C-alpha cells in the first residue's frame, strides 16, 4: 500500500489534507495532516501539486503511530461516526 490522501473540504476555515502512509518507520503508521488557508480552493488540487500556493499551508503535523495506537484511533473515529450519524 502506498500513501493515501484524504481531502477535508467541508468547513472553509478548517480544511486540508490527511495522508496515511505505512512503514516509513518500522512497525509504524505515519499520519500527516496539512491545514490549508481558508481562501485556497482545494476542490481540484493536491497539496503536492506544483500549482499549490506556497502560503497555502497554514499548519502541518506528522505523527508516527504503533499498530495499537492506530487501532485506538480507528475505534475513536468509529465511535464519533456513530454519534454523528445517530444525531446525539
Protein backbone atom coordinates (compact mmCIF):
# COMPACT_ATOMS: atom_id res chain seq x y z
CA UNK A 1 0.00 0.00 0.00
CA UNK A 2 1.26 3.43 -0.85
CA UNK A 3 0.28 6.68 0.86
CA UNK A 4 -3.41 7.52 0.83
CA UNK A 5 -4.58 11.14 0.89
CA UNK A 6 -7.95 12.30 2.16
CA UNK A 7 -9.28 15.75 1.27
CA UNK A 8 -11.20 17.51 4.08
CA UNK A 9 -13.13 20.34 2.48
CA UNK A 10 -16.40 20.67 4.44
CA UNK A 11 -15.66 23.67 6.67
CA UNK A 12 -13.83 26.53 4.93
CA UNK A 13 -11.68 27.61 7.86
CA UNK A 14 -10.89 24.00 8.87
CA UNK A 15 -9.93 22.36 5.62
CA UNK A 16 -6.90 20.47 4.50
CA UNK A 17 -5.49 17.05 3.74
CA UNK A 18 -4.73 13.91 5.71
CA UNK A 19 -2.15 11.42 4.47
CA UNK A 20 -1.71 7.90 5.84
CA UNK A 21 1.48 6.01 4.96
CA UNK A 22 2.55 2.61 6.26
CA UNK A 23 6.05 1.67 7.37
CA UNK A 24 8.04 4.89 6.90
CA UNK A 25 9.49 3.71 10.20
CA UNK A 26 9.45 0.01 11.02
CA UNK A 27 6.18 -1.24 12.55
CA UNK A 28 4.58 2.22 12.44
CA UNK A 29 1.86 4.06 10.56
CA UNK A 30 2.60 7.66 9.58
CA UNK A 31 -0.22 10.18 9.83
CA UNK A 32 0.36 13.62 8.34
CA UNK A 33 -2.14 16.46 8.19
CA UNK A 34 -1.92 19.81 6.43
CA UNK A 35 -4.21 22.69 7.37
CA UNK A 36 -4.93 24.89 4.36
CA UNK A 37 -5.67 28.63 4.26
CA UNK A 38 -9.40 29.30 4.00
CA UNK A 39 -9.02 31.22 0.72
CA UNK A 40 -7.26 28.37 -1.12
CA UNK A 41 -9.64 26.27 -3.23
CA UNK A 42 -8.67 22.62 -2.71
CA UNK A 43 -11.58 21.08 -4.60
CA UNK A 44 -9.40 20.01 -7.54
CA UNK A 45 -5.83 20.30 -6.29
CA UNK A 46 -3.48 18.31 -4.07
CA UNK A 47 -1.12 19.82 -1.53
CA UNK A 48 1.77 18.29 -3.51
CA UNK A 49 0.76 19.87 -6.86
CA UNK A 50 3.23 22.39 -8.28
CA UNK A 51 0.41 24.93 -8.64
CA UNK A 52 -0.45 24.73 -4.91
CA UNK A 53 0.47 28.14 -3.43
CA UNK A 54 3.47 28.20 -1.07
CA UNK A 55 1.49 30.20 1.50
CA UNK A 56 -1.48 27.83 1.23
CA UNK A 57 -0.45 25.56 4.10
CA UNK A 58 -1.02 27.21 7.46
CA UNK A 59 -0.20 24.22 9.66
CA UNK A 60 1.27 20.75 9.48
CA UNK A 61 1.67 17.82 11.84
CA UNK A 62 3.24 14.44 11.33
CA UNK A 63 2.85 11.57 13.78
CA UNK A 64 4.17 8.02 13.88
CA UNK A 65 1.78 5.51 15.47
CA UNK A 66 2.20 1.93 16.50
CA UNK A 67 -0.38 -0.52 15.22
CA UNK A 68 -2.01 -0.50 18.66
CA UNK A 69 -2.37 3.30 18.67
CA UNK A 70 -3.70 3.25 15.09
CA UNK A 71 -6.33 0.74 16.21
CA UNK A 72 -7.29 3.08 19.07
CA UNK A 73 -7.66 5.90 16.53
CA UNK A 74 -9.93 3.72 14.39
CA UNK A 75 -12.10 2.90 17.42
CA UNK A 76 -12.34 6.59 18.36
CA UNK A 77 -13.28 7.53 14.79
CA UNK A 78 -15.90 4.77 14.62
CA UNK A 79 -17.44 5.96 17.90
CA UNK A 80 -17.53 9.55 16.63
CA UNK A 81 -19.10 8.42 13.32
CA UNK A 82 -21.80 6.54 15.22
CA UNK A 83 -22.53 9.57 17.40
CA UNK A 84 -22.82 11.94 14.41
CA UNK A 85 -24.95 9.52 12.40
CA UNK A 86 -27.29 8.89 15.32
CA UNK A 87 -27.75 12.62 15.92
CA UNK A 88 -26.56 12.59 19.54
